[in-house]
Amino acid sequence: MPFAEILGQDRAVAFLRSAWRTGRLSQAYCFAGPAGVGKRTAALALAQAINCLAAGNAASQATADACGRCAACRKIAAGNHPDVIEVRPEEKTVITIDQIREVAARASLRAYEGRAKVWILDPADQMQEPAANAFLKTLEEPAGVSLFILVTATPSALLPTILSRCQEVRFDPLGEGHLRDLLARHGRPPEAAALAGGSAARALALDVAEAHARRDRIVQEVWDALGSLPAVLERADDLGSDRPAFEAALEILAGYTRDMVVAKIAGGAVPLVHRDCGADVARLAARYPVGAILNVFEAQVAAQRALARRANPRFTAERMLLRMRDAVGRGQPACVPRTGREGSHGPHGSG
C-alpha cells in the first residue's frame, strides 16, 4: 500500500515523504502509536517507496511515493521481497536474541534486488532483554545498506538507549469519521467506530453486540467490587491474571469514566464514547461529585501507564481498585445500572 492510501495519518506520512524526497532518511525509526492505526502499513509503504522500480520517474519523484504496481511493490505487499524483512515474535510471544543475531549478520550485506534492506520489527517492545541489547549493538554499528523500523504501541517499553538512536514518528488514533468511512467501505456497522479506540483493525474486527456485552460486564464487575475490600482483592486477582485482557479492560473502564465526566460537566454538548448506554452513564455519574470521578479516571490512567512500563499486572490492578474505592468512598456500593442499554431499566435503573 503506497503512502497515498494510508488512512488518517497525514502528519506522519508527510514527514516520511519529505525525508525520502530530500534524501534525509534516518538509519532507524520508531513508529509509535496505538495498535491498529497504520504503523506497520506505513513501514511497508516506506519500504515500497525506497525500493519501487518506478522511483526514478517524474511522477514518483513528485509524490515521493511508490507506484504500488511494479514487481518490487507487489513483492513487498505480498511479503516476499528479499530486501524487506519483518521480524516478529516467535510463536507470538517474544523476539528472541537468535532472531536479532540473524538481523545483525545480514544487516551489512548488500541488498539483493532493491536499493536498501528494510527491517521491520513489530512489535519491537517484545524484544527480550538480551535481544534488545544485541539490537542496540547493531544500531551502534551502522550499516549503510539497511534501514530499521521499530513498530510499537508502547515506546516506553523499549530501552532508552535504543529510542535515542531512532527517529520517532508518532501515529495518532484515527478519527471517527475516518473509521465510519472505512466501515462503510467494508459493509460493517458504523457503531463500531465509537468503540474502536481509533483503531482501524479493531473497528473492522469488532462485533458490536459482543463489545457492548463485554463492556457492560467489565464495568459492572469492577464498580460493584468497590463496595468491599475482599471484593476489591478478588477482582484485582482476576484482572491481574491476564495482562492483555487487563489492558483491554482498562481501555473500556477509562472510556466509560471519561463519559461519566462528560455527562457530569457537559451534559449532551459533548458526544459520549458509549452512546448506546448514555442514560446509564449519567445515572452512575449522578451518584458522585465530579472530583471523585476525576480521581477514578486518574487511577485508571495511572494503571495504563504502569502496564506500559511492564509493571506487575496484579499489583497494578490492586492499586488501581484501591484508589478507585478511596475516590468513591470506602464501603459505599457503586450501584451500577445493570443493563448497559439506553432507555432500559435494570434493578438499579432509576436510582
Protein backbone atom coordinates (compact mmCIF):
# COMPACT_ATOMS: atom_id res chain seq x y z
CA MET A 1 0.00 0.00 0.00
CA PRO A 2 1.61 3.31 -1.07
CA PHE A 3 1.57 6.36 1.23
CA ALA A 4 -1.35 7.83 -0.72
CA GLU A 5 -3.64 5.04 0.51
CA ILE A 6 -2.85 5.34 4.23
CA LEU A 7 -5.87 6.47 6.23
CA GLY A 8 -5.84 9.41 8.64
CA GLN A 9 -2.08 9.75 9.27
CA ASP A 10 -1.36 12.86 7.20
CA ARG A 11 1.29 14.27 9.54
CA ALA A 12 3.34 11.06 9.76
CA VAL A 13 3.03 10.41 6.03
CA ALA A 14 4.08 13.96 5.14
CA PHE A 15 7.15 13.64 7.37
CA LEU A 16 8.22 10.35 5.80
CA ARG A 17 7.59 11.56 2.26
CA SER A 18 9.67 14.67 2.91
CA ALA A 19 12.54 12.61 4.36
CA TRP A 20 12.51 10.32 1.33
CA ARG A 21 12.20 13.15 -1.20
CA THR A 22 15.09 15.12 0.30
CA GLY A 23 17.37 12.13 0.88
CA ARG A 24 17.31 12.59 4.66
CA LEU A 25 16.10 9.21 5.82
CA SER A 26 17.40 8.15 9.22
CA GLN A 27 19.05 4.80 9.76
CA ALA A 28 16.41 3.85 12.33
CA TYR A 29 12.83 4.89 13.05
CA CYS A 30 10.42 4.20 15.87
CA PHE A 31 6.82 4.21 14.61
CA ALA A 32 4.87 4.76 17.83
CA GLY A 33 1.14 4.89 18.38
CA PRO A 34 -1.91 2.83 19.33
CA ALA A 35 -2.44 -0.61 17.86
CA GLY A 36 -4.18 -0.83 14.53
CA VAL A 37 -3.73 2.76 13.31
CA GLY A 38 -1.42 2.13 10.36
CA LYS A 39 2.13 1.91 11.73
CA ARG A 40 3.01 -1.36 10.00
CA THR A 41 1.23 -0.22 6.85
CA ALA A 42 3.34 2.95 6.83
CA ALA A 43 6.51 0.90 7.37
CA LEU A 44 5.69 -1.18 4.30
CA ALA A 45 4.81 1.97 2.35
CA LEU A 46 8.23 3.43 3.16
CA ALA A 47 9.87 0.15 2.11
CA GLN A 48 7.95 0.34 -1.17
CA ALA A 49 8.96 3.97 -1.77
CA ILE A 50 12.63 3.10 -1.22
CA ASN A 51 12.63 0.02 -3.44
CA CYS A 52 9.99 0.92 -6.06
CA LEU A 53 11.23 0.26 -9.60
CA ALA A 54 9.48 3.43 -10.80
CA ALA A 55 11.17 5.63 -8.20
CA GLY A 56 13.20 7.45 -10.84
CA ASN A 57 10.30 8.67 -12.94
CA ALA A 58 8.83 12.15 -12.70
CA ALA A 59 5.54 11.11 -11.11
CA SER A 60 7.24 9.15 -8.36
CA GLN A 61 9.69 11.96 -7.64
CA ALA A 62 6.86 14.50 -7.47
CA THR A 63 4.81 12.47 -4.98
CA ALA A 64 7.68 10.82 -3.06
CA ASP A 65 5.62 7.66 -3.18
CA ALA A 66 5.73 4.17 -4.60
CA CYS A 67 3.78 3.23 -7.70
CA GLY A 68 2.21 0.23 -5.96
CA ARG A 69 2.16 -1.69 -9.24
CA CYS A 70 5.73 -2.67 -10.16
CA ALA A 71 7.24 -6.07 -9.35
CA ALA A 72 9.05 -4.72 -6.28
CA CYS A 73 5.92 -3.07 -4.85
CA ARG A 74 3.89 -6.22 -5.42
CA LYS A 75 6.53 -8.39 -3.74
CA ILE A 76 6.65 -6.10 -0.70
CA ALA A 77 2.85 -6.11 -0.43
CA ALA A 78 2.86 -9.91 -0.66
CA GLY A 79 5.63 -10.23 1.95
CA ASN A 80 8.16 -11.95 -0.30
CA HIS A 81 10.65 -9.22 -1.24
CA PRO A 82 14.14 -10.41 -0.20
CA ASP A 83 15.19 -6.94 0.98
CA VAL A 84 12.15 -6.17 3.16
CA ILE A 85 12.22 -8.37 6.24
CA GLU A 86 9.66 -8.38 9.04
CA VAL A 87 10.93 -9.57 12.41
CA ARG A 88 8.00 -10.72 14.53
CA PRO A 89 7.77 -12.56 17.87
CA GLU A 90 8.38 -16.28 17.65
CA GLU A 91 5.19 -18.20 18.45
CA LYS A 92 3.52 -14.82 19.15
CA THR A 93 5.43 -14.26 22.39
CA VAL A 94 8.84 -12.58 22.15
CA ILE A 95 11.51 -11.51 19.69
CA THR A 96 14.50 -13.64 20.63
CA ILE A 97 18.22 -12.97 20.65
CA ASP A 98 18.64 -15.57 17.89
CA GLN A 99 16.36 -13.53 15.64
CA ILE A 100 18.34 -10.36 16.36
CA ARG A 101 21.63 -12.16 15.75
CA GLU A 102 20.33 -13.09 12.31
CA VAL A 103 19.42 -9.44 11.71
CA ALA A 104 22.92 -8.37 12.74
CA ALA A 105 24.55 -10.96 10.49
CA ARG A 106 22.57 -9.88 7.43
CA ALA A 107 22.22 -6.13 8.01
CA SER A 108 25.59 -5.23 6.49
CA LEU A 109 25.07 -7.33 3.36
CA ARG A 110 24.19 -5.62 0.11
CA ALA A 111 20.56 -5.55 -0.97
CA TYR A 112 19.66 -8.42 -3.29
CA GLU A 113 17.20 -6.63 -5.57
CA GLY A 114 16.35 -3.21 -4.17
CA ARG A 115 18.15 -0.04 -3.12
CA ALA A 116 18.30 -0.91 0.57
CA LYS A 117 17.30 -3.53 3.07
CA VAL A 118 14.38 -2.53 5.30
CA TRP A 119 13.97 -4.34 8.62
CA ILE A 120 10.58 -4.02 10.34
CA LEU A 121 10.49 -5.15 13.99
CA ASP A 122 6.84 -5.49 15.02
CA PRO A 123 6.11 -5.19 17.87
CA ALA A 124 9.59 -4.05 18.82
CA ASP A 125 8.71 -3.84 22.52
CA GLN A 126 8.50 -7.65 22.56
CA MET A 127 12.28 -8.00 22.32
CA GLN A 128 13.70 -9.94 25.24
CA GLU A 129 16.34 -8.01 27.19
CA PRO A 130 19.28 -9.95 25.64
CA ALA A 131 17.72 -9.39 22.21
CA ALA A 132 17.32 -5.67 22.90
CA ASN A 133 20.95 -5.37 23.99
CA ALA A 134 22.08 -7.22 20.87
CA PHE A 135 19.95 -4.96 18.69
CA LEU A 136 21.47 -1.89 20.35
CA LYS A 137 24.90 -3.09 19.25
CA THR A 138 23.57 -3.41 15.70
CA LEU A 139 22.39 0.21 15.80
CA GLU A 140 25.75 1.31 17.17
CA GLU A 141 27.49 -0.20 14.16
CA PRO A 142 25.57 1.48 11.33
CA ALA A 143 25.13 -0.46 8.12
CA GLY A 144 24.58 1.97 5.28
CA VAL A 145 22.53 -0.51 3.26
CA SER A 146 19.95 -1.20 5.99
CA LEU A 147 17.11 0.84 7.44
CA PHE A 148 15.40 -0.26 10.67
CA ILE A 149 11.78 0.48 11.58
CA LEU A 150 10.64 -0.35 15.12
CA VAL A 151 6.85 -0.59 15.37
CA THR A 152 5.37 -0.26 18.86
CA ALA A 153 2.31 0.81 20.80
CA THR A 154 4.43 1.24 23.95
CA PRO A 155 7.71 3.02 23.16
CA SER A 156 8.35 3.38 26.90
CA ALA A 157 8.91 -0.40 26.98
CA LEU A 158 11.95 -0.07 24.70
CA LEU A 159 15.45 0.56 26.04
CA PRO A 160 16.07 4.32 26.28
CA THR A 161 19.39 3.76 24.53
CA ILE A 162 17.55 2.22 21.57
CA LEU A 163 14.99 5.03 21.46
CA SER A 164 17.75 7.64 21.50
CA ARG A 165 19.13 6.18 18.27
CA CYS A 166 15.77 6.19 16.48
CA GLN A 167 13.82 9.00 14.84
CA GLU A 168 10.37 8.78 16.43
CA VAL A 169 7.32 9.13 14.19
CA ARG A 170 4.02 9.44 16.03
CA PHE A 171 0.83 7.83 14.74
CA ASP A 172 -2.45 9.11 16.14
CA PRO A 173 -5.74 7.32 16.83
CA LEU A 174 -7.98 7.58 13.79
CA GLY A 175 -10.95 9.92 13.96
CA GLU A 176 -14.46 8.51 13.98
CA GLY A 177 -15.13 9.99 10.56
CA HIS A 178 -12.24 8.05 9.03
CA LEU A 179 -13.38 4.88 10.78
CA ARG A 180 -17.00 5.27 9.66
CA ASP A 181 -15.83 5.69 6.06
CA LEU A 182 -13.67 2.59 6.40
CA LEU A 183 -16.51 0.58 7.93
CA ALA A 184 -18.90 1.68 5.18
CA ARG A 185 -16.45 0.53 2.51
CA HIS A 186 -16.31 -2.90 4.17
CA GLY A 187 -20.04 -3.15 4.83
CA ARG A 188 -19.62 -3.03 8.61
CA PRO A 189 -21.94 -1.28 11.12
CA PRO A 190 -20.94 2.35 11.85
CA GLU A 191 -21.44 1.88 15.60
CA ALA A 192 -18.06 0.14 15.74
CA ALA A 193 -16.32 3.47 15.07
CA ALA A 194 -17.11 4.83 18.54
CA LEU A 195 -15.93 1.66 20.28
CA ALA A 196 -12.71 1.04 18.36
CA GLY A 197 -10.47 3.46 20.24
CA GLY A 198 -9.24 5.00 16.99
CA SER A 199 -8.03 1.64 15.64
CA ALA A 200 -8.93 0.62 12.09
CA ALA A 201 -8.02 -3.00 12.75
CA ARG A 202 -10.23 -3.13 15.82
CA ALA A 203 -13.13 -1.38 14.09
CA LEU A 204 -13.14 -3.92 11.27
CA ALA A 205 -12.91 -6.89 13.64
CA LEU A 206 -15.38 -5.64 16.23
CA ASP A 207 -18.65 -7.43 16.90
CA VAL A 208 -20.70 -4.53 18.27
CA ALA A 209 -23.15 -6.63 20.29
CA GLU A 210 -20.32 -8.66 21.80
CA ALA A 211 -18.34 -5.50 22.57
CA HIS A 212 -21.34 -3.96 24.35
CA ALA A 213 -21.86 -7.12 26.41
CA ARG A 214 -18.17 -7.26 27.36
CA ARG A 215 -18.21 -3.57 28.29
CA ASP A 216 -21.31 -3.99 30.46
CA ARG A 217 -19.79 -6.97 32.27
CA ILE A 218 -16.43 -5.29 32.95
CA VAL A 219 -17.96 -2.04 34.19
CA GLN A 220 -20.47 -3.90 36.34
CA GLU A 221 -17.92 -6.21 37.96
CA VAL A 222 -15.33 -3.51 38.67
CA TRP A 223 -17.70 -0.91 40.09
CA ASP A 224 -19.62 -3.48 42.15
CA ALA A 225 -16.32 -4.68 43.65
CA LEU A 226 -15.65 -1.27 45.19
CA GLY A 227 -18.22 -1.97 47.90
CA SER A 228 -15.89 -4.21 49.95
CA LEU A 229 -12.19 -4.81 50.40
CA PRO A 230 -12.40 -8.60 49.86
CA ALA A 231 -14.24 -7.97 46.58
CA VAL A 232 -11.55 -5.49 45.52
CA LEU A 233 -8.80 -8.03 46.17
CA GLU A 234 -10.70 -10.77 44.35
CA ARG A 235 -11.29 -8.51 41.35
CA ALA A 236 -7.60 -7.48 41.36
CA ASP A 237 -6.62 -11.15 41.18
CA ASP A 238 -8.93 -11.64 38.22
CA LEU A 239 -7.83 -8.55 36.30
CA GLY A 240 -4.15 -9.11 37.01
CA SER A 241 -4.13 -12.70 35.81
CA ASP A 242 -4.07 -11.75 32.11
CA ARG A 243 -2.08 -8.68 31.03
CA PRO A 244 -3.61 -8.25 27.54
CA ALA A 245 -7.14 -8.70 28.90
CA PHE A 246 -6.38 -6.21 31.68
CA GLU A 247 -5.10 -3.67 29.14
CA ALA A 248 -8.31 -4.08 27.13
CA ALA A 249 -10.44 -3.75 30.28
CA LEU A 250 -8.60 -0.57 31.25
CA GLU A 251 -9.37 0.99 27.90
CA ILE A 252 -13.06 0.23 28.42
CA LEU A 253 -13.06 1.49 32.02
CA ALA A 254 -11.23 4.71 31.19
CA GLY A 255 -13.57 5.40 28.28
CA TYR A 256 -16.62 4.82 30.47
CA THR A 257 -15.26 7.03 33.25
CA ARG A 258 -14.41 9.74 30.71
CA ASP A 259 -18.06 9.58 29.63
CA MET A 260 -19.13 9.99 33.27
CA VAL A 261 -17.09 13.20 33.50
CA VAL A 262 -18.58 14.46 30.23
CA ALA A 263 -22.11 13.61 31.39
CA LYS A 264 -21.48 15.41 34.67
CA ILE A 265 -19.98 18.57 33.19
CA ALA A 266 -21.16 18.95 29.61
CA GLY A 267 -24.46 17.11 29.54
CA GLY A 268 -25.34 16.47 25.91
CA ALA A 269 -22.99 19.11 24.49
CA VAL A 270 -20.10 16.66 24.01
CA PRO A 271 -20.66 13.22 22.43
CA LEU A 272 -20.06 10.14 24.54
CA VAL A 273 -17.92 7.20 23.53
CA HIS A 274 -20.54 4.79 24.88
CA ARG A 275 -23.59 6.45 23.35
CA ASP A 276 -25.73 3.33 23.45
CA CYS A 277 -25.86 3.45 27.27
CA GLY A 278 -25.78 7.21 27.85
CA ALA A 279 -28.62 7.10 30.39
CA ASP A 280 -26.78 4.50 32.48
CA VAL A 281 -23.58 6.57 32.32
CA ALA A 282 -25.46 9.65 33.50
CA ARG A 283 -27.17 7.77 36.36
CA LEU A 284 -23.86 6.43 37.67
CA ALA A 285 -22.18 9.83 37.30
CA ALA A 286 -25.00 11.49 39.25
CA ARG A 287 -24.09 9.46 42.36
CA TYR A 288 -20.65 11.05 42.79
CA PRO A 289 -19.09 14.52 42.77
CA VAL A 290 -17.05 15.32 39.69
CA GLY A 291 -13.84 15.38 41.74
CA ALA A 292 -14.37 11.76 42.79
CA ILE A 293 -14.97 10.70 39.18
CA LEU A 294 -11.83 12.51 38.06
CA ASN A 295 -9.86 10.68 40.76
CA VAL A 296 -11.24 7.38 39.47
CA PHE A 297 -10.16 8.34 35.96
CA GLU A 298 -6.67 9.27 37.17
CA ALA A 299 -6.35 5.87 38.88
CA GLN A 300 -7.25 4.11 35.63
CA VAL A 301 -4.85 6.19 33.53
CA ALA A 302 -2.07 5.57 36.07
CA ALA A 303 -2.71 1.83 35.72
CA GLN A 304 -2.45 2.10 31.93
CA ARG A 305 0.88 3.88 32.26
CA ALA A 306 2.15 1.32 34.75
CA LEU A 307 1.33 -1.56 32.41
CA ALA A 308 3.08 0.27 29.57
CA ARG A 309 6.19 0.26 31.78
CA ARG A 310 5.75 -3.52 32.19
CA ALA A 311 4.67 -3.25 35.83
CA ASN A 312 3.26 -6.30 37.60
CA PRO A 313 -0.39 -6.50 36.47
CA ARG A 314 -1.68 -7.97 39.74
CA PHE A 315 -0.19 -5.18 41.86
CA THR A 316 -1.28 -2.60 39.29
CA ALA A 317 -4.88 -3.83 39.40
CA GLU A 318 -4.92 -3.82 43.20
CA ARG A 319 -3.51 -0.31 43.42
CA MET A 320 -5.99 0.99 40.86
CA LEU A 321 -9.02 -0.56 42.56
CA LEU A 322 -7.97 0.68 45.99
CA ARG A 323 -7.57 4.20 44.60
CA MET A 324 -10.99 3.94 42.95
CA ARG A 325 -12.51 2.72 46.22
CA ASP A 326 -10.98 5.61 48.13
CA ALA A 327 -12.26 8.05 45.50
CA VAL A 328 -15.91 6.96 45.66
CA GLY A 329 -15.97 6.30 49.40
CA ARG A 330 -14.91 3.20 51.31
CA GLY A 331 -17.60 0.56 51.57
CA GLN A 332 -20.12 2.51 49.50
CA PRO A 333 -21.75 0.25 46.89
CA ALA A 334 -21.38 1.61 43.41
CA CYS A 335 -24.91 0.54 42.35
CA VAL A 336 -24.10 0.32 38.68
CA PRO A 337 -27.12 0.08 36.35
CA ARG A 338 -27.06 -3.49 35.12
CA THR A 339 -28.49 -3.17 31.65
CA GLY A 340 -25.95 -1.05 29.77
CA ARG A 341 -28.64 -0.08 27.26
CA GLU A 342 -30.13 3.32 26.53
CA GLY A 343 -33.66 3.68 27.75
CA SER A 344 -33.88 0.35 29.60
CA HIS A 345 -34.10 -0.12 33.34
CA GLY A 346 -32.39 -2.78 35.40
CA PRO A 347 -32.54 -3.39 39.15
CA HIS A 348 -30.77 -0.09 39.81
CA GLY A 349 -32.33 1.66 36.83
CA SER A 350 -33.84 4.90 38.13
CA GLY A 351 -31.56 5.31 41.14
